[in-house]
Amino acid sequence: MKPGAILMLVIGLAGVFGFMAWAVVEMGGFGDLFSRSWVTNAIIGGGVLCVGALTWVLMRLAFVSARRGYDEPIRFAPAEEAEDRSGD
């Protein structure tokens, strides 16, 4: 990678993590995270698991599709060859 691209990546990641840290501080930290009811925690945990499972399935499909060649572009016959076949 070029040094400029690495610098932009580092600055971008620092900005994202800085924003996340600011948001956590403004919320008052993680102290209130598990004081909710067990139903709320179960719903949040189930949502995280479902998103993770969906991500895994879609990435698996993408890799299998690429490995089997389904992602290759369609190659049409040249125009001269197509005209010769239509005349038969």
PDB file of N, CA and C in Angstrom:
ATOM      1  N   MET A   1       0.839  -1.189   0.000  1.00  0.00           N
ATOM      2  CA  MET A   1       0.000   0.000   0.000  1.00  0.00           C
ATOM      3  C   MET A   1       0.877   1.243   0.000  1.00  0.00           C
ATOM      4  N   LYS A   2       0.334   2.277  -0.566  1.00  0.00           N
ATOM      5  CA  LYS A   2       1.054   3.541  -0.584  1.00  0.00           C
ATOM      6  C   LYS A   2       1.002   4.191   0.801  1.00  0.00           C
ATOM      7  N   PRO A   3       2.046   4.944   1.149  1.00  0.00           N
ATOM      8  CA  PRO A   3       2.059   5.590   2.470  1.00  0.00           C
ATOM      9  C   PRO A   3       0.880   6.531   2.693  1.00  0.00           C
ATOM     10  N   GLY A   4       0.433   7.213   1.643  1.00  0.00           N
ATOM     11  CA  GLY A   4      -0.717   8.112   1.785  1.00  0.00           C
ATOM     12  C   GLY A   4      -1.990   7.353   2.118  1.00  0.00           C
ATOM     13  N   ALA A   5      -2.158   6.175   1.508  1.00  0.00           N
ATOM     14  CA  ALA A   5      -3.351   5.364   1.774  1.00  0.00           C
ATOM     15  C   ALA A   5      -3.320   4.830   3.202  1.00  0.00           C
ATOM     16  N   ILE A   6      -2.146   4.425   3.656  1.00  0.00           N
ATOM     17  CA  ILE A   6      -2.021   3.928   5.032  1.00  0.00           C
ATOM     18  C   ILE A   6      -2.327   5.047   6.024  1.00  0.00           C
ATOM     19  N   LEU A   7      -1.825   6.232   5.743  1.00  0.00           N
ATOM     20  CA  LEU A   7      -2.083   7.377   6.619  1.00  0.00           C
ATOM     21  C   LEU A   7      -3.572   7.696   6.672  1.00  0.00           C
ATOM     22  N   MET A   8      -4.236   7.691   5.525  1.00  0.00           N
ATOM     23  CA  MET A   8      -5.677   7.960   5.495  1.00  0.00           C
ATOM     24  C   MET A   8      -6.447   6.885   6.255  1.00  0.00           C
ATOM     25  N   LEU A   9      -6.016   5.616   6.127  1.00  0.00           N
ATOM     26  CA  LEU A   9      -6.667   4.526   6.843  1.00  0.00           C
ATOM     27  C   LEU A   9      -6.512   4.691   8.349  1.00  0.00           C
ATOM     28  N   VAL A  10      -5.317   5.027   8.782  1.00  0.00           N
ATOM     29  CA  VAL A  10      -5.061   5.214  10.218  1.00  0.00           C
ATOM     30  C   VAL A  10      -5.869   6.385  10.758  1.00  0.00           C
ATOM     31  N   ILE A  11      -5.911   7.485  10.015  1.00  0.00           N
ATOM     32  CA  ILE A  11      -6.685   8.654  10.455  1.00  0.00           C
ATOM     33  C   ILE A  11      -8.174   8.317  10.507  1.00  0.00           C
ATOM     34  N   GLY A  12      -8.662   7.599   9.516  1.00  0.00           N
ATOM     35  CA  GLY A  12     -10.072   7.212   9.496  1.00  0.00           C
ATOM     36  C   GLY A  12     -10.433   6.305  10.653  1.00  0.00           C
ATOM     37  N   LEU A  13      -9.580   5.299  10.915  1.00  0.00           N
ATOM     38  CA  LEU A  13      -9.844   4.395  12.038  1.00  0.00           C
ATOM     39  C   LEU A  13      -9.763   5.125  13.371  1.00  0.00           C
ATOM     40  N   ALA A  14      -8.809   6.048  13.499  1.00  0.00           N
ATOM     41  CA  ALA A  14      -8.707   6.832  14.730  1.00  0.00           C
ATOM     42  C   ALA A  14      -9.966   7.665  14.927  1.00  0.00           C
ATOM     43  N   GLY A  15     -10.504   8.219  13.856  1.00  0.00           N
ATOM     44  CA  GLY A  15     -11.737   8.990  13.949  1.00  0.00           C
ATOM     45  C   GLY A  15     -12.921   8.130  14.377  1.00  0.00           C
ATOM     46  N   VAL A  16     -13.034   6.929  13.798  1.00  0.00           N
ATOM     47  CA  VAL A  16     -14.142   6.031  14.149  1.00  0.00           C
ATOM     48  C   VAL A  16     -14.040   5.616  15.611  1.00  0.00           C
ATOM     49  N   PHE A  17     -12.839   5.174  16.030  1.00  0.00           N
ATOM     50  CA  PHE A  17     -12.686   4.737  17.415  1.00  0.00           C
ATOM     51  C   PHE A  17     -12.801   5.904  18.388  1.00  0.00           C
ATOM     52  N   GLY A  18     -12.367   7.082  17.985  1.00  0.00           N
ATOM     53  CA  GLY A  18     -12.542   8.259  18.818  1.00  0.00           C
ATOM     54  C   GLY A  18     -14.008   8.586  19.021  1.00  0.00           C
ATOM     55  N   PHE A  19     -14.783   8.493  17.951  1.00  0.00           N
ATOM     56  CA  PHE A  19     -16.222   8.737  18.060  1.00  0.00           C
ATOM     57  C   PHE A  19     -16.881   7.703  18.963  1.00  0.00           C
ATOM     58  N   MET A  20     -16.476   6.443  18.822  1.00  0.00           N
ATOM     59  CA  MET A  20     -17.044   5.393  19.665  1.00  0.00           C
ATOM     60  C   MET A  20     -16.712   5.638  21.132  1.00  0.00           C
ATOM     61  N   ALA A  21     -15.481   6.032  21.421  1.00  0.00           N
ATOM     62  CA  ALA A  21     -15.086   6.316  22.804  1.00  0.00           C
ATOM     63  C   ALA A  21     -15.882   7.493  23.350  1.00  0.00           C
ATOM     64  N   TRP A  22     -16.058   8.535  22.546  1.00  0.00           N
ATOM     65  CA  TRP A  22     -16.852   9.685  22.968  1.00  0.00           C
ATOM     66  C   TRP A  22     -18.290   9.265  23.278  1.00  0.00           C
ATOM     67  N   ALA A  23     -18.871   8.409  22.435  1.00  0.00           N
ATOM     68  CA  ALA A  23     -20.247   7.963  22.650  1.00  0.00           C
ATOM     69  C   ALA A  23     -20.371   7.167  23.943  1.00  0.00           C
ATOM     70  N   VAL A  24     -19.389   6.303  24.224  1.00  0.00           N
ATOM     71  CA  VAL A  24     -19.428   5.517  25.462  1.00  0.00           C
ATOM     72  C   VAL A  24     -19.335   6.437  26.676  1.00  0.00           C
ATOM     73  N   VAL A  25     -18.464   7.432  26.623  1.00  0.00           N
ATOM     74  CA  VAL A  25     -18.318   8.374  27.740  1.00  0.00           C
ATOM     75  C   VAL A  25     -19.605   9.166  27.938  1.00  0.00           C
ATOM     76  N   GLU A  26     -20.219   9.603  26.845  1.00  0.00           N
ATOM     77  CA  GLU A  26     -21.465  10.370  26.950  1.00  0.00           C
ATOM     78  C   GLU A  26     -22.616   9.528  27.496  1.00  0.00           C
ATOM     79  N   MET A  27     -22.611   8.227  27.208  1.00  0.00           N
ATOM     80  CA  MET A  27     -23.654   7.342  27.740  1.00  0.00           C
ATOM     81  C   MET A  27     -23.453   7.052  29.210  1.00  0.00           C
ATOM     82  N   GLY A  28     -22.291   7.312  29.717  1.00  0.00           N
ATOM     83  CA  GLY A  28     -22.025   7.015  31.113  1.00  0.00           C
ATOM     84  C   GLY A  28     -21.292   5.703  31.297  1.00  0.00           C
ATOM     85  N   GLY A  29     -20.651   5.214  30.263  1.00  0.00           N
ATOM     86  CA  GLY A  29     -19.885   3.969  30.355  1.00  0.00           C
ATOM     87  C   GLY A  29     -20.751   2.752  30.145  1.00  0.00           C
ATOM     88  N   PHE A  30     -20.185   1.592  30.477  1.00  0.00           N
ATOM     89  CA  PHE A  30     -20.881   0.325  30.292  1.00  0.00           C
ATOM     90  C   PHE A  30     -21.558  -0.160  31.569  1.00  0.00           C
ATOM     91  N   GLY A  31     -21.616   0.658  32.592  1.00  0.00           N
ATOM     92  CA  GLY A  31     -22.178   0.241  33.869  1.00  0.00           C
ATOM     93  C   GLY A  31     -23.635  -0.158  33.789  1.00  0.00           C
ATOM     94  N   ASP A  32     -24.401   0.469  32.937  1.00  0.00           N
ATOM     95  CA  ASP A  32     -25.835   0.205  32.824  1.00  0.00           C
ATOM     96  C   ASP A  32     -26.159  -0.902  31.823  1.00  0.00           C
ATOM     97  N   LEU A  33     -25.153  -1.472  31.192  1.00  0.00           N
ATOM     98  CA  LEU A  33     -25.389  -2.396  30.090  1.00  0.00           C
ATOM     99  C   LEU A  33     -26.142  -3.645  30.533  1.00  0.00           C
ATOM    100  N   PHE A  34     -25.766  -4.225  31.661  1.00  0.00           N
ATOM    101  CA  PHE A  34     -26.371  -5.483  32.079  1.00  0.00           C
ATOM    102  C   PHE A  34     -27.405  -5.317  33.183  1.00  0.00           C
ATOM    103  N   SER A  35     -27.797  -4.096  33.502  1.00  0.00           N
ATOM    104  CA  SER A  35     -28.795  -3.894  34.542  1.00  0.00           C
ATOM    105  C   SER A  35     -30.218  -3.958  33.986  1.00  0.00           C
ATOM    106  N   ARG A  36     -30.347  -4.176  32.705  1.00  0.00           N
ATOM    107  CA  ARG A  36     -31.681  -4.331  32.103  1.00  0.00           C
ATOM    108  C   ARG A  36     -32.263  -5.682  32.493  1.00  0.00           C
ATOM    109  N   SER A  37     -33.496  -5.920  32.076  1.00  0.00           N
ATOM    110  CA  SER A  37     -34.122  -7.204  32.370  1.00  0.00           C
ATOM    111  C   SER A  37     -33.473  -8.304  31.526  1.00  0.00           C
ATOM    112  N   TRP A  38     -33.672  -9.546  31.919  1.00  0.00           N
ATOM    113  CA  TRP A  38     -33.076 -10.659  31.193  1.00  0.00           C
ATOM    114  C   TRP A  38     -33.674 -10.786  29.798  1.00  0.00           C
ATOM    115  N   VAL A  39     -34.915 -10.338  29.634  1.00  0.00           N
ATOM    116  CA  VAL A  39     -35.555 -10.414  28.315  1.00  0.00           C
ATOM    117  C   VAL A  39     -34.833  -9.489  27.329  1.00  0.00           C
ATOM    118  N   THR A  40     -34.534  -8.284  27.766  1.00  0.00           N
ATOM    119  CA  THR A  40     -33.832  -7.337  26.908  1.00  0.00           C
ATOM    120  C   THR A  40     -32.453  -7.865  26.550  1.00  0.00           C
ATOM    121  N   ASN A  41     -31.733  -8.406  27.526  1.00  0.00           N
ATOM    122  CA  ASN A  41     -30.414  -8.962  27.263  1.00  0.00           C
ATOM    123  C   ASN A  41     -30.494 -10.154  26.312  1.00  0.00           C
ATOM    124  N   ALA A  42     -31.531 -10.991  26.447  1.00  0.00           N
ATOM    125  CA  ALA A  42     -31.703 -12.138  25.558  1.00  0.00           C
ATOM    126  C   ALA A  42     -31.989 -11.677  24.128  1.00  0.00           C
ATOM    127  N   ILE A  43     -32.802 -10.642  23.984  1.00  0.00           N
ATOM    128  CA  ILE A  43     -33.116 -10.126  22.653  1.00  0.00           C
ATOM    129  C   ILE A  43     -31.870  -9.539  22.001  1.00  0.00           C
ATOM    130  N   ILE A  44     -31.089  -8.782  22.758  1.00  0.00           N
ATOM    131  CA  ILE A  44     -29.862  -8.198  22.217  1.00  0.00           C
ATOM    132  C   ILE A  44     -28.882  -9.304  21.835  1.00  0.00           C
ATOM    133  N   GLY A  45     -28.706 -10.285  22.707  1.00  0.00           N
ATOM    134  CA  GLY A  45     -27.807 -11.404  22.414  1.00  0.00           C
ATOM    135  C   GLY A  45     -28.265 -12.207  21.209  1.00  0.00           C
ATOM    136  N   GLY A  46     -29.564 -12.451  21.113  1.00  0.00           N
ATOM    137  CA  GLY A  46     -30.095 -13.165  19.949  1.00  0.00           C
ATOM    138  C   GLY A  46     -29.897 -12.394  18.664  1.00  0.00           C
ATOM    139  N   GLY A  47     -30.054 -11.087  18.733  1.00  0.00           N
ATOM    140  CA  GLY A  47     -29.826 -10.259  17.550  1.00  0.00           C
ATOM    141  C   GLY A  47     -28.384 -10.296  17.099  1.00  0.00           C
ATOM    142  N   VAL A  48     -27.469 -10.245  18.066  1.00  0.00           N
ATOM    143  CA  VAL A  48     -26.036 -10.314  17.724  1.00  0.00           C
ATOM    144  C   VAL A  48     -25.713 -11.661  17.099  1.00  0.00           C
ATOM    145  N   LEU A  49     -26.248 -12.754  17.670  1.00  0.00           N
ATOM    146  CA  LEU A  49     -26.001 -14.082  17.114  1.00  0.00           C
ATOM    147  C   LEU A  49     -26.593 -14.235  15.715  1.00  0.00           C
ATOM    148  N   CYS A  50     -27.804 -13.718  15.501  1.00  0.00           N
ATOM    149  CA  CYS A  50     -28.433 -13.819  14.182  1.00  0.00           C
ATOM    150  C   CYS A  50     -27.668 -13.025  13.125  1.00  0.00           C
ATOM    151  N   VAL A  51     -27.210 -11.841  13.480  1.00  0.00           N
ATOM    152  CA  VAL A  51     -26.431 -11.042  12.526  1.00  0.00           C
ATOM    153  C   VAL A  51     -25.117 -11.743  12.211  1.00  0.00           C
ATOM    154  N   GLY A  52     -24.477 -12.314  13.225  1.00  0.00           N
ATOM    155  CA  GLY A  52     -23.238 -13.053  12.991  1.00  0.00           C
ATOM    156  C   GLY A  52     -23.460 -14.263  12.100  1.00  0.00           C
ATOM    157  N   ALA A  53     -24.539 -15.014  12.351  1.00  0.00           N
ATOM    158  CA  ALA A  53     -24.840 -16.187  11.531  1.00  0.00           C
ATOM    159  C   ALA A  53     -25.163 -15.785  10.091  1.00  0.00           C
ATOM    160  N   LEU A  54     -25.937 -14.733   9.912  1.00  0.00           N
ATOM    161  CA  LEU A  54     -26.267 -14.267   8.565  1.00  0.00           C
ATOM    162  C   LEU A  54     -25.019 -13.810   7.825  1.00  0.00           C
ATOM    163  N   THR A  55     -24.130 -13.117   8.520  1.00  0.00           N
ATOM    164  CA  THR A  55     -22.876 -12.688   7.909  1.00  0.00           C
ATOM    165  C   THR A  55     -22.055 -13.892   7.485  1.00  0.00           C
ATOM    166  N   TRP A  56     -21.963 -14.903   8.339  1.00  0.00           N
ATOM    167  CA  TRP A  56     -21.195 -16.101   8.015  1.00  0.00           C
ATOM    168  C   TRP A  56     -21.777 -16.800   6.788  1.00  0.00           C
ATOM    169  N   VAL A  57     -23.103 -16.948   6.736  1.00  0.00           N
ATOM    170  CA  VAL A  57     -23.746 -17.633   5.601  1.00  0.00           C
ATOM    171  C   VAL A  57     -23.504 -16.866   4.302  1.00  0.00           C
ATOM    172  N   LEU A  58     -23.685 -15.561   4.324  1.00  0.00           N
ATOM    173  CA  LEU A  58     -23.516 -14.786   3.087  1.00  0.00           C
ATOM    174  C   LEU A  58     -22.062 -14.782   2.615  1.00  0.00           C
ATOM    175  N   MET A  59     -21.113 -14.691   3.526  1.00  0.00           N
ATOM    176  CA  MET A  59     -19.708 -14.750   3.132  1.00  0.00           C
ATOM    177  C   MET A  59     -19.367 -16.132   2.596  1.00  0.00           C
ATOM    178  N   ARG A  60     -19.895 -17.171   3.215  1.00  0.00           N
ATOM    179  CA  ARG A  60     -19.663 -18.543   2.734  1.00  0.00           C
ATOM    180  C   ARG A  60     -20.197 -18.701   1.316  1.00  0.00           C
ATOM    181  N   LEU A  61     -21.397 -18.192   1.055  1.00  0.00           N
ATOM    182  CA  LEU A  61     -21.959 -18.258  -0.296  1.00  0.00           C
ATOM    183  C   LEU A  61     -21.103 -17.495  -1.302  1.00  0.00           C
ATOM    184  N   ALA A  62     -20.584 -16.358  -0.904  1.00  0.00           N
ATOM    185  CA  ALA A  62     -19.742 -15.574  -1.806  1.00  0.00           C
ATOM    186  C   ALA A  62     -18.463 -16.334  -2.150  1.00  0.00           C
ATOM    187  N   PHE A  63     -17.836 -16.958  -1.152  1.00  0.00           N
ATOM    188  CA  PHE A  63     -16.597 -17.693  -1.414  1.00  0.00           C
ATOM    189  C   PHE A  63     -16.847 -18.954  -2.237  1.00  0.00           C
ATOM    190  N   VAL A  64     -17.929 -19.679  -1.958  1.00  0.00           N
ATOM    191  CA  VAL A  64     -18.248 -20.873  -2.740  1.00  0.00           C
ATOM    192  C   VAL A  64     -18.548 -20.484  -4.176  1.00  0.00           C
ATOM    193  N   SER A  65     -19.297 -19.412  -4.359  1.00  0.00           N
ATOM    194  CA  SER A  65     -19.622 -18.938  -5.696  1.00  0.00           C
ATOM    195  C   SER A  65     -18.363 -18.563  -6.477  1.00  0.00           C
ATOM    196  N   ALA A  66     -17.427 -17.906  -5.827  1.00  0.00           N
ATOM    197  CA  ALA A  66     -16.184 -17.518  -6.498  1.00  0.00           C
ATOM    198  C   ALA A  66     -15.339 -18.744  -6.823  1.00  0.00           C
ATOM    199  N   ARG A  67     -15.311 -19.720  -5.920  1.00  0.00           N
ATOM    200  CA  ARG A  67     -14.502 -20.918  -6.133  1.00  0.00           C
ATOM    201  C   ARG A  67     -15.032 -21.760  -7.286  1.00  0.00           C
ATOM    202  N   ARG A  68     -16.340 -21.828  -7.448  1.00  0.00           N
ATOM    203  CA  ARG A  68     -16.941 -22.657  -8.495  1.00  0.00           C
ATOM    204  C   ARG A  68     -17.047 -21.946  -9.833  1.00  0.00           C
ATOM    205  N   GLY A  69     -16.664 -20.690  -9.886  1.00  0.00           N
ATOM    206  CA  GLY A  69     -16.636 -19.988 -11.157  1.00  0.00           C
ATOM    207  C   GLY A  69     -17.938 -19.310 -11.545  1.00  0.00           C
ATOM    208  N   TYR A  70     -18.886 -19.219 -10.628  1.00  0.00           N
ATOM    209  CA  TYR A  70     -20.154 -18.568 -10.949  1.00  0.00           C
ATOM    210  C   TYR A  70     -19.985 -17.062 -11.140  1.00  0.00           C
ATOM    211  N   ASP A  71     -18.892 -16.514 -10.675  1.00  0.00           N
ATOM    212  CA  ASP A  71     -18.665 -15.076 -10.764  1.00  0.00           C
ATOM    213  C   ASP A  71     -17.953 -14.670 -12.052  1.00  0.00           C
ATOM    214  N   GLU A  72     -17.607 -15.641 -12.880  1.00  0.00           N
ATOM    215  CA  GLU A  72     -16.911 -15.316 -14.124  1.00  0.00           C
ATOM    216  C   GLU A  72     -17.868 -14.621 -15.089  1.00  0.00           C
ATOM    217  N   PRO A  73     -17.361 -13.665 -15.864  1.00  0.00           N
ATOM    218  CA  PRO A  73     -18.239 -12.992 -16.828  1.00  0.00           C
ATOM    219  C   PRO A  73     -18.640 -13.933 -17.959  1.00  0.00           C
ATOM    220  N   ILE A  74     -19.795 -13.672 -18.525  1.00  0.00           N
ATOM    221  CA  ILE A  74     -20.280 -14.474 -19.657  1.00  0.00           C
ATOM    222  C   ILE A  74     -19.450 -14.114 -20.875  1.00  0.00           C
ATOM    223  N   ARG A  75     -19.013 -15.129 -21.598  1.00  0.00           N
ATOM    224  CA  ARG A  75     -18.232 -14.902 -22.815  1.00  0.00           C
ATOM    225  C   ARG A  75     -19.083 -15.328 -24.000  1.00  0.00           C
ATOM    226  N   PHE A  76     -19.428 -14.373 -24.833  1.00  0.00           N
ATOM    227  CA  PHE A  76     -20.228 -14.636 -26.014  1.00  0.00           C
ATOM    228  C   PHE A  76     -19.320 -14.970 -27.188  1.00  0.00           C
ATOM    229  N   ALA A  77     -19.862 -15.705 -28.149  1.00  0.00           N
ATOM    230  CA  ALA A  77     -19.090 -16.038 -29.342  1.00  0.00           C
ATOM    231  C   ALA A  77     -18.884 -14.767 -30.165  1.00  0.00           C
ATOM    232  N   PRO A  78     -17.769 -14.685 -30.902  1.00  0.00           N
ATOM    233  CA  PRO A  78     -17.558 -13.523 -31.774  1.00  0.00           C
ATOM    234  C   PRO A  78     -18.686 -13.386 -32.792  1.00  0.00           C
ATOM    235  N   ALA A  79     -18.893 -12.189 -33.311  1.00  0.00           N
ATOM    236  CA  ALA A  79     -20.007 -11.909 -34.223  1.00  0.00           C
ATOM    237  C   ALA A  79     -19.945 -12.779 -35.473  1.00  0.00           C
ATOM    238  N   GLU A  80     -18.757 -13.014 -36.042  1.00  0.00           N
ATOM    239  CA  GLU A  80     -18.654 -13.819 -37.268  1.00  0.00           C
ATOM    240  C   GLU A  80     -19.117 -15.256 -37.012  1.00  0.00           C
ATOM    241  N   GLU A  81     -18.743 -15.791 -35.875  1.00  0.00           N
ATOM    242  CA  GLU A  81     -19.113 -17.156 -35.538  1.00  0.00           C
ATOM    243  C   GLU A  81     -20.619 -17.272 -35.337  1.00  0.00           C
ATOM    244  N   ALA A  82     -21.224 -16.282 -34.736  1.00  0.00           N
ATOM    245  CA  ALA A  82     -22.662 -16.297 -34.497  1.00  0.00           C
ATOM    246  C   ALA A  82     -23.423 -16.223 -35.814  1.00  0.00           C
ATOM    247  N   GLU A  83     -22.941 -15.452 -36.781  1.00  0.00           N
ATOM    248  CA  GLU A  83     -23.610 -15.351 -38.085  1.00  0.00           C
ATOM    249  C   GLU A  83     -23.488 -16.640 -38.854  1.00  0.00           C
ATOM    250  N   ASP A  84     -22.350 -17.339 -38.769  1.00  0.00           N
ATOM    251  CA  ASP A  84     -22.161 -18.600 -39.477  1.00  0.00           C
ATOM    252  C   ASP A  84     -23.120 -19.653 -38.959  1.00  0.00           C
ATOM    253  N   ARG A  85     -23.369 -19.687 -37.700  1.00  0.00           N
ATOM    254  CA  ARG A  85     -24.259 -20.675 -37.121  1.00  0.00           C
ATOM    255  C   ARG A  85     -25.721 -20.401 -37.472  1.00  0.00           C
ATOM    256  N   SER A  86     -26.091 -19.126 -37.590  1.00  0.00           N
ATOM    257  CA  SER A  86     -27.490 -18.807 -37.876  1.00  0.00           C
ATOM    258  C   SER A  86     -27.852 -19.151 -39.324  1.00  0.00           C
ATOM    259  N   GLY A  87     -26.870 -19.211 -40.194  1.00  0.00           N
ATOM    260  CA  GLY A  87     -27.141 -19.523 -41.610  1.00  0.00           C
ATOM    261  C   GLY A  87     -27.330 -20.998 -41.878  1.00  0.00           C
ATOM    262  N   ASP A  88     -26.980 -21.886 -40.934  1.00  0.00           N
ATOM    263  CA  ASP A  88     -27.079 -23.333 -41.178  1.00  0.00           C
ATOM    264  C   ASP A  88     -28.478 -23.821 -41.137  1.00  0.00           C
TER     265      ASP A  88
END
